[in-house]
Amino acid sequence: PTLSEGVETFVKDLAKQNGQSMEEAAANFVKQHRPTSLLQRFASVEEIANMVLYVASKEASATNGAALRAEGGIVNTIA
């Protein structure tokens, strides 16, 4: 998941409800709801923007026909 403005509000609300810091609430959310995440944290908006910049750049000219995901490595199954 990406820590967008809406998600940040959600996490702040969780933190307030549970008497935690925002960092603790975010870490607990990922641990409980995204346990297979390789990143084990929320992706930042900047990280997603960097992915978009790469795809739109000349450096990505050899990247074609690929489905690129920027979700922190959430792996539910390995096929």
PDB file of N, CA and C in Angstrom:
ATOM      1  N   PRO A   1       0.824  -1.198   0.000  1.00  0.00           N
ATOM      2  CA  PRO A   1       0.000   0.000   0.000  1.00  0.00           C
ATOM      3  C   PRO A   1       0.867   1.261   0.000  1.00  0.00           C
ATOM      4  N   THR A   2       0.316   2.314  -0.529  1.00  0.00           N
ATOM      5  CA  THR A   2       1.022   3.588  -0.621  1.00  0.00           C
ATOM      6  C   THR A   2       0.497   4.556   0.433  1.00  0.00           C
ATOM      7  N   LEU A   3       1.392   5.243   1.095  1.00  0.00           N
ATOM      8  CA  LEU A   3       1.010   6.197   2.135  1.00  0.00           C
ATOM      9  C   LEU A   3       0.608   7.523   1.489  1.00  0.00           C
ATOM     10  N   SER A   4      -0.539   7.487   0.812  1.00  0.00           N
ATOM     11  CA  SER A   4      -1.108   8.686   0.198  1.00  0.00           C
ATOM     12  C   SER A   4      -1.777   9.521   1.287  1.00  0.00           C
ATOM     13  N   GLU A   5      -2.290  10.686   0.922  1.00  0.00           N
ATOM     14  CA  GLU A   5      -2.953  11.549   1.909  1.00  0.00           C
ATOM     15  C   GLU A   5      -4.112  10.830   2.595  1.00  0.00           C
ATOM     16  N   GLY A   6      -4.927  10.134   1.815  1.00  0.00           N
ATOM     17  CA  GLY A   6      -6.074   9.424   2.383  1.00  0.00           C
ATOM     18  C   GLY A   6      -5.657   8.300   3.313  1.00  0.00           C
ATOM     19  N   VAL A   7      -4.635   7.557   2.921  1.00  0.00           N
ATOM     20  CA  VAL A   7      -4.144   6.461   3.760  1.00  0.00           C
ATOM     21  C   VAL A   7      -3.485   7.025   5.017  1.00  0.00           C
ATOM     22  N   GLU A   8      -2.792   8.146   4.880  1.00  0.00           N
ATOM     23  CA  GLU A   8      -2.173   8.775   6.049  1.00  0.00           C
ATOM     24  C   GLU A   8      -3.233   9.177   7.077  1.00  0.00           C
ATOM     25  N   THR A   9      -4.353   9.714   6.604  1.00  0.00           N
ATOM     26  CA  THR A   9      -5.459  10.063   7.502  1.00  0.00           C
ATOM     27  C   THR A   9      -5.992   8.815   8.195  1.00  0.00           C
ATOM     28  N   PHE A  10      -6.161   7.735   7.435  1.00  0.00           N
ATOM     29  CA  PHE A  10      -6.624   6.461   7.983  1.00  0.00           C
ATOM     30  C   PHE A  10      -5.678   5.961   9.076  1.00  0.00           C
ATOM     31  N   VAL A  11      -4.372   6.005   8.807  1.00  0.00           N
ATOM     32  CA  VAL A  11      -3.381   5.520   9.772  1.00  0.00           C
ATOM     33  C   VAL A  11      -3.352   6.414  11.011  1.00  0.00           C
ATOM     34  N   LYS A  12      -3.476   7.725  10.820  1.00  0.00           N
ATOM     35  CA  LYS A  12      -3.524   8.636  11.974  1.00  0.00           C
ATOM     36  C   LYS A  12      -4.730   8.327  12.852  1.00  0.00           C
ATOM     37  N   ASP A  13      -5.870   8.033  12.223  1.00  0.00           N
ATOM     38  CA  ASP A  13      -7.071   7.667  12.981  1.00  0.00           C
ATOM     39  C   ASP A  13      -6.857   6.361  13.749  1.00  0.00           C
ATOM     40  N   LEU A  14      -6.228   5.377  13.094  1.00  0.00           N
ATOM     41  CA  LEU A  14      -5.912   4.111  13.773  1.00  0.00           C
ATOM     42  C   LEU A  14      -5.008   4.358  14.976  1.00  0.00           C
ATOM     43  N   ALA A  15      -4.010   5.195  14.780  1.00  0.00           N
ATOM     44  CA  ALA A  15      -3.064   5.497  15.854  1.00  0.00           C
ATOM     45  C   ALA A  15      -3.783   6.128  17.038  1.00  0.00           C
ATOM     46  N   LYS A  16      -4.655   7.068  16.740  1.00  0.00           N
ATOM     47  CA  LYS A  16      -5.397   7.754  17.803  1.00  0.00           C
ATOM     48  C   LYS A  16      -6.293   6.770  18.555  1.00  0.00           C
ATOM     49  N   GLN A  17      -6.988   5.901  17.816  1.00  0.00           N
ATOM     50  CA  GLN A  17      -7.887   4.917  18.429  1.00  0.00           C
ATOM     51  C   GLN A  17      -7.136   3.946  19.336  1.00  0.00           C
ATOM     52  N   ASN A  18      -5.899   3.609  18.946  1.00  0.00           N
ATOM     53  CA  ASN A  18      -5.143   2.589  19.669  1.00  0.00           C
ATOM     54  C   ASN A  18      -4.062   3.153  20.587  1.00  0.00           C
ATOM     55  N   GLY A  19      -4.006   4.473  20.719  1.00  0.00           N
ATOM     56  CA  GLY A  19      -3.007   5.086  21.586  1.00  0.00           C
ATOM     57  C   GLY A  19      -1.583   4.817  21.137  1.00  0.00           C
ATOM     58  N   GLN A  20      -1.369   4.873  19.827  1.00  0.00           N
ATOM     59  CA  GLN A  20      -0.053   4.584  19.261  1.00  0.00           C
ATOM     60  C   GLN A  20       0.452   5.795  18.490  1.00  0.00           C
ATOM     61  N   SER A  21       1.736   5.758  18.183  1.00  0.00           N
ATOM     62  CA  SER A  21       2.273   6.746  17.256  1.00  0.00           C
ATOM     63  C   SER A  21       1.839   6.336  15.851  1.00  0.00           C
ATOM     64  N   MET A  22       1.930   7.259  14.923  1.00  0.00           N
ATOM     65  CA  MET A  22       1.571   6.933  13.547  1.00  0.00           C
ATOM     66  C   MET A  22       2.479   5.826  13.006  1.00  0.00           C
ATOM     67  N   GLU A  23       3.762   5.874  13.368  1.00  0.00           N
ATOM     68  CA  GLU A  23       4.714   4.865  12.900  1.00  0.00           C
ATOM     69  C   GLU A  23       4.346   3.476  13.423  1.00  0.00           C
ATOM     70  N   GLU A  24       3.951   3.413  14.700  1.00  0.00           N
ATOM     71  CA  GLU A  24       3.539   2.129  15.279  1.00  0.00           C
ATOM     72  C   GLU A  24       2.275   1.607  14.607  1.00  0.00           C
ATOM     73  N   ALA A  25       1.313   2.485  14.388  1.00  0.00           N
ATOM     74  CA  ALA A  25       0.056   2.076  13.757  1.00  0.00           C
ATOM     75  C   ALA A  25       0.304   1.585  12.339  1.00  0.00           C
ATOM     76  N   ALA A  26       1.163   2.278  11.605  1.00  0.00           N
ATOM     77  CA  ALA A  26       1.476   1.871  10.229  1.00  0.00           C
ATOM     78  C   ALA A  26       2.161   0.510  10.222  1.00  0.00           C
ATOM     79  N   ALA A  27       3.133   0.328  11.101  1.00  0.00           N
ATOM     80  CA  ALA A  27       3.852  -0.949  11.168  1.00  0.00           C
ATOM     81  C   ALA A  27       2.914  -2.087  11.548  1.00  0.00           C
ATOM     82  N   ASN A  28       2.035  -1.851  12.511  1.00  0.00           N
ATOM     83  CA  ASN A  28       1.084  -2.882  12.924  1.00  0.00           C
ATOM     84  C   ASN A  28       0.092  -3.210  11.817  1.00  0.00           C
ATOM     85  N   PHE A  29      -0.360  -2.197  11.083  1.00  0.00           N
ATOM     86  CA  PHE A  29      -1.293  -2.439   9.986  1.00  0.00           C
ATOM     87  C   PHE A  29      -0.652  -3.342   8.938  1.00  0.00           C
ATOM     88  N   VAL A  30       0.564  -3.018   8.551  1.00  0.00           N
ATOM     89  CA  VAL A  30       1.250  -3.827   7.533  1.00  0.00           C
ATOM     90  C   VAL A  30       1.467  -5.238   8.055  1.00  0.00           C
ATOM     91  N   LYS A  31       1.898  -5.362   9.297  1.00  0.00           N
ATOM     92  CA  LYS A  31       2.151  -6.677   9.886  1.00  0.00           C
ATOM     93  C   LYS A  31       0.883  -7.532   9.910  1.00  0.00           C
ATOM     94  N   GLN A  32      -0.264  -6.916  10.236  1.00  0.00           N
ATOM     95  CA  GLN A  32      -1.517  -7.655  10.353  1.00  0.00           C
ATOM     96  C   GLN A  32      -2.213  -7.881   9.017  1.00  0.00           C
ATOM     97  N   HIS A  33      -2.194  -6.888   8.137  1.00  0.00           N
ATOM     98  CA  HIS A  33      -3.003  -6.950   6.924  1.00  0.00           C
ATOM     99  C   HIS A  33      -2.215  -7.184   5.640  1.00  0.00           C
ATOM    100  N   ARG A  34      -0.910  -7.036   5.676  1.00  0.00           N
ATOM    101  CA  ARG A  34      -0.058  -7.278   4.512  1.00  0.00           C
ATOM    102  C   ARG A  34       1.188  -8.060   4.939  1.00  0.00           C
ATOM    103  N   PRO A  35       0.992  -9.211   5.596  1.00  0.00           N
ATOM    104  CA  PRO A  35       2.137  -9.935   6.158  1.00  0.00           C
ATOM    105  C   PRO A  35       3.116 -10.464   5.115  1.00  0.00           C
ATOM    106  N   THR A  36       2.691 -10.602   3.864  1.00  0.00           N
ATOM    107  CA  THR A  36       3.595 -11.113   2.838  1.00  0.00           C
ATOM    108  C   THR A  36       4.376 -10.007   2.141  1.00  0.00           C
ATOM    109  N   SER A  37       4.194  -8.775   2.564  1.00  0.00           N
ATOM    110  CA  SER A  37       4.909  -7.653   1.947  1.00  0.00           C
ATOM    111  C   SER A  37       6.411  -7.811   2.140  1.00  0.00           C
ATOM    112  N   LEU A  38       7.153  -7.732   1.050  1.00  0.00           N
ATOM    113  CA  LEU A  38       8.607  -7.813   1.143  1.00  0.00           C
ATOM    114  C   LEU A  38       9.188  -6.533   1.737  1.00  0.00           C
ATOM    115  N   LEU A  39       8.542  -5.414   1.473  1.00  0.00           N
ATOM    116  CA  LEU A  39       8.995  -4.110   1.959  1.00  0.00           C
ATOM    117  C   LEU A  39       8.707  -3.934   3.452  1.00  0.00           C
ATOM    118  N   GLN A  40       7.618  -4.516   3.932  1.00  0.00           N
ATOM    119  CA  GLN A  40       7.186  -4.456   5.333  1.00  0.00           C
ATOM    120  C   GLN A  40       6.953  -3.034   5.833  1.00  0.00           C
ATOM    121  N   ARG A  41       6.495  -2.171   4.926  1.00  0.00           N
ATOM    122  CA  ARG A  41       6.101  -0.809   5.275  1.00  0.00           C
ATOM    123  C   ARG A  41       5.279  -0.263   4.125  1.00  0.00           C
ATOM    124  N   PHE A  42       4.648   0.884   4.347  1.00  0.00           N
ATOM    125  CA  PHE A  42       3.930   1.543   3.269  1.00  0.00           C
ATOM    126  C   PHE A  42       4.943   2.126   2.292  1.00  0.00           C
ATOM    127  N   ALA A  43       4.631   2.075   1.015  1.00  0.00           N
ATOM    128  CA  ALA A  43       5.448   2.766   0.019  1.00  0.00           C
ATOM    129  C   ALA A  43       5.143   4.251   0.123  1.00  0.00           C
ATOM    130  N   SER A  44       6.145   5.065  -0.128  1.00  0.00           N
ATOM    131  CA  SER A  44       5.917   6.510  -0.092  1.00  0.00           C
ATOM    132  C   SER A  44       5.392   6.981  -1.448  1.00  0.00           C
ATOM    133  N   VAL A  45       4.742   8.107  -1.428  1.00  0.00           N
ATOM    134  CA  VAL A  45       4.254   8.715  -2.670  1.00  0.00           C
ATOM    135  C   VAL A  45       5.445   8.997  -3.587  1.00  0.00           C
ATOM    136  N   GLU A  46       6.568   9.397  -3.005  1.00  0.00           N
ATOM    137  CA  GLU A  46       7.772   9.685  -3.789  1.00  0.00           C
ATOM    138  C   GLU A  46       8.284   8.437  -4.502  1.00  0.00           C
ATOM    139  N   GLU A  47       8.200   7.280  -3.852  1.00  0.00           N
ATOM    140  CA  GLU A  47       8.648   6.039  -4.492  1.00  0.00           C
ATOM    141  C   GLU A  47       7.790   5.709  -5.707  1.00  0.00           C
ATOM    142  N   ILE A  48       6.492   5.937  -5.604  1.00  0.00           N
ATOM    143  CA  ILE A  48       5.606   5.690  -6.738  1.00  0.00           C
ATOM    144  C   ILE A  48       5.912   6.683  -7.852  1.00  0.00           C
ATOM    145  N   ALA A  49       6.132   7.946  -7.484  1.00  0.00           N
ATOM    146  CA  ALA A  49       6.478   8.971  -8.475  1.00  0.00           C
ATOM    147  C   ALA A  49       7.779   8.612  -9.189  1.00  0.00           C
ATOM    148  N   ASN A  50       8.749   8.073  -8.461  1.00  0.00           N
ATOM    149  CA  ASN A  50      10.011   7.669  -9.085  1.00  0.00           C
ATOM    150  C   ASN A  50       9.805   6.550 -10.095  1.00  0.00           C
ATOM    151  N   MET A  51       8.886   5.641  -9.806  1.00  0.00           N
ATOM    152  CA  MET A  51       8.576   4.570 -10.749  1.00  0.00           C
ATOM    153  C   MET A  51       7.982   5.150 -12.028  1.00  0.00           C
ATOM    154  N   VAL A  52       7.066   6.099 -11.872  1.00  0.00           N
ATOM    155  CA  VAL A  52       6.446   6.744 -13.031  1.00  0.00           C
ATOM    156  C   VAL A  52       7.504   7.489 -13.839  1.00  0.00           C
ATOM    157  N   LEU A  53       8.403   8.197 -13.157  1.00  0.00           N
ATOM    158  CA  LEU A  53       9.476   8.912 -13.856  1.00  0.00           C
ATOM    159  C   LEU A  53      10.349   7.952 -14.653  1.00  0.00           C
ATOM    160  N   TYR A  54      10.681   6.821 -14.060  1.00  0.00           N
ATOM    161  CA  TYR A  54      11.481   5.830 -14.776  1.00  0.00           C
ATOM    162  C   TYR A  54      10.764   5.345 -16.033  1.00  0.00           C
ATOM    163  N   VAL A  55       9.516   4.959 -15.895  1.00  0.00           N
ATOM    164  CA  VAL A  55       8.763   4.414 -17.028  1.00  0.00           C
ATOM    165  C   VAL A  55       8.642   5.443 -18.151  1.00  0.00           C
ATOM    166  N   ALA A  56       8.563   6.714 -17.792  1.00  0.00           N
ATOM    167  CA  ALA A  56       8.421   7.776 -18.794  1.00  0.00           C
ATOM    168  C   ALA A  56       9.767   8.248 -19.341  1.00  0.00           C
ATOM    169  N   SER A  57      10.861   7.693 -18.853  1.00  0.00           N
ATOM    170  CA  SER A  57      12.184   8.179 -19.249  1.00  0.00           C
ATOM    171  C   SER A  57      12.791   7.361 -20.384  1.00  0.00           C
ATOM    172  N   LYS A  58      13.872   7.900 -20.951  1.00  0.00           N
ATOM    173  CA  LYS A  58      14.618   7.186 -21.995  1.00  0.00           C
ATOM    174  C   LYS A  58      15.243   5.909 -21.439  1.00  0.00           C
ATOM    175  N   GLU A  59      15.555   5.907 -20.152  1.00  0.00           N
ATOM    176  CA  GLU A  59      16.176   4.731 -19.539  1.00  0.00           C
ATOM    177  C   GLU A  59      15.268   3.503 -19.585  1.00  0.00           C
ATOM    178  N   ALA A  60      13.985   3.710 -19.769  1.00  0.00           N
ATOM    179  CA  ALA A  60      13.035   2.598 -19.818  1.00  0.00           C
ATOM    180  C   ALA A  60      12.766   2.133 -21.244  1.00  0.00           C
ATOM    181  N   SER A  61      13.565   2.595 -22.199  1.00  0.00           N
ATOM    182  CA  SER A  61      13.283   2.280 -23.606  1.00  0.00           C
ATOM    183  C   SER A  61      13.300   0.781 -23.900  1.00  0.00           C
ATOM    184  N   ALA A  62      14.044  -0.003 -23.156  1.00  0.00           N
ATOM    185  CA  ALA A  62      14.071  -1.449 -23.375  1.00  0.00           C
ATOM    186  C   ALA A  62      13.005  -2.178 -22.559  1.00  0.00           C
ATOM    187  N   THR A  63      12.274  -1.454 -21.756  1.00  0.00           N
ATOM    188  CA  THR A  63      11.197  -2.041 -20.963  1.00  0.00           C
ATOM    189  C   THR A  63       9.915  -1.917 -21.766  1.00  0.00           C
ATOM    190  N   ASN A  64       9.402  -3.044 -22.229  1.00  0.00           N
ATOM    191  CA  ASN A  64       8.160  -2.980 -23.003  1.00  0.00           C
ATOM    192  C   ASN A  64       7.340  -4.232 -22.765  1.00  0.00           C
ATOM    193  N   GLY A  65       6.053  -4.051 -22.826  1.00  0.00           N
ATOM    194  CA  GLY A  65       5.152  -5.177 -22.650  1.00  0.00           C
ATOM    195  C   GLY A  65       5.166  -5.763 -21.251  1.00  0.00           C
ATOM    196  N   ALA A  66       5.670  -5.015 -20.303  1.00  0.00           N
ATOM    197  CA  ALA A  66       5.768  -5.525 -18.943  1.00  0.00           C
ATOM    198  C   ALA A  66       4.717  -4.886 -18.050  1.00  0.00           C
ATOM    199  N   ALA A  67       4.196  -5.678 -17.149  1.00  0.00           N
ATOM    200  CA  ALA A  67       3.308  -5.137 -16.118  1.00  0.00           C
ATOM    201  C   ALA A  67       4.194  -4.789 -14.930  1.00  0.00           C
ATOM    202  N   LEU A  68       4.337  -3.519 -14.667  1.00  0.00           N
ATOM    203  CA  LEU A  68       5.200  -3.063 -13.584  1.00  0.00           C
ATOM    204  C   LEU A  68       4.352  -2.739 -12.368  1.00  0.00           C
ATOM    205  N   ARG A  69       4.731  -3.311 -11.258  1.00  0.00           N
ATOM    206  CA  ARG A  69       3.981  -3.089 -10.018  1.00  0.00           C
ATOM    207  C   ARG A  69       4.873  -2.356  -9.032  1.00  0.00           C
ATOM    208  N   ALA A  70       4.279  -1.432  -8.317  1.00  0.00           N
ATOM    209  CA  ALA A  70       4.998  -0.707  -7.267  1.00  0.00           C
ATOM    210  C   ALA A  70       4.136  -0.761  -6.015  1.00  0.00           C
ATOM    211  N   GLU A  71       4.074  -1.948  -5.400  1.00  0.00           N
ATOM    212  CA  GLU A  71       3.222  -2.124  -4.229  1.00  0.00           C
ATOM    213  C   GLU A  71       3.983  -2.713  -3.051  1.00  0.00           C
ATOM    214  N   GLY A  72       5.288  -2.685  -3.117  1.00  0.00           N
ATOM    215  CA  GLY A  72       6.076  -3.125  -1.976  1.00  0.00           C
ATOM    216  C   GLY A  72       6.361  -4.611  -1.925  1.00  0.00           C
ATOM    217  N   GLY A  73       6.038  -5.324  -2.982  1.00  0.00           N
ATOM    218  CA  GLY A  73       6.347  -6.745  -3.021  1.00  0.00           C
ATOM    219  C   GLY A  73       5.376  -7.622  -2.268  1.00  0.00           C
ATOM    220  N   ILE A  74       4.095  -7.302  -2.361  1.00  0.00           N
ATOM    221  CA  ILE A  74       3.093  -8.145  -1.712  1.00  0.00           C
ATOM    222  C   ILE A  74       2.951  -9.417  -2.534  1.00  0.00           C
ATOM    223  N   VAL A  75       3.362 -10.526  -1.953  1.00  0.00           N
ATOM    224  CA  VAL A  75       3.362 -11.801  -2.655  1.00  0.00           C
ATOM    225  C   VAL A  75       2.387 -12.734  -1.943  1.00  0.00           C
ATOM    226  N   ASN A  76       1.255 -13.020  -2.585  1.00  0.00           N
ATOM    227  CA  ASN A  76       0.288 -13.945  -1.989  1.00  0.00           C
ATOM    228  C   ASN A  76       0.586 -15.385  -2.367  1.00  0.00           C
ATOM    229  N   THR A  77       1.056 -15.591  -3.590  1.00  0.00           N
ATOM    230  CA  THR A  77       1.433 -16.926  -4.043  1.00  0.00           C
ATOM    231  C   THR A  77       2.580 -16.792  -5.024  1.00  0.00           C
ATOM    232  N   ILE A  78       3.324 -17.838  -5.153  1.00  0.00           N
ATOM    233  CA  ILE A  78       4.382 -17.879  -6.159  1.00  0.00           C
ATOM    234  C   ILE A  78       3.984 -18.953  -7.154  1.00  0.00           C
ATOM    235  N   ALA A  79       3.779 -18.528  -8.394  1.00  0.00           N
ATOM    236  CA  ALA A  79       3.325 -19.470  -9.418  1.00  0.00           C
ATOM    237  C   ALA A  79       4.477 -20.038 -10.196  1.00  0.00           C
TER     238      ALA A  79
END
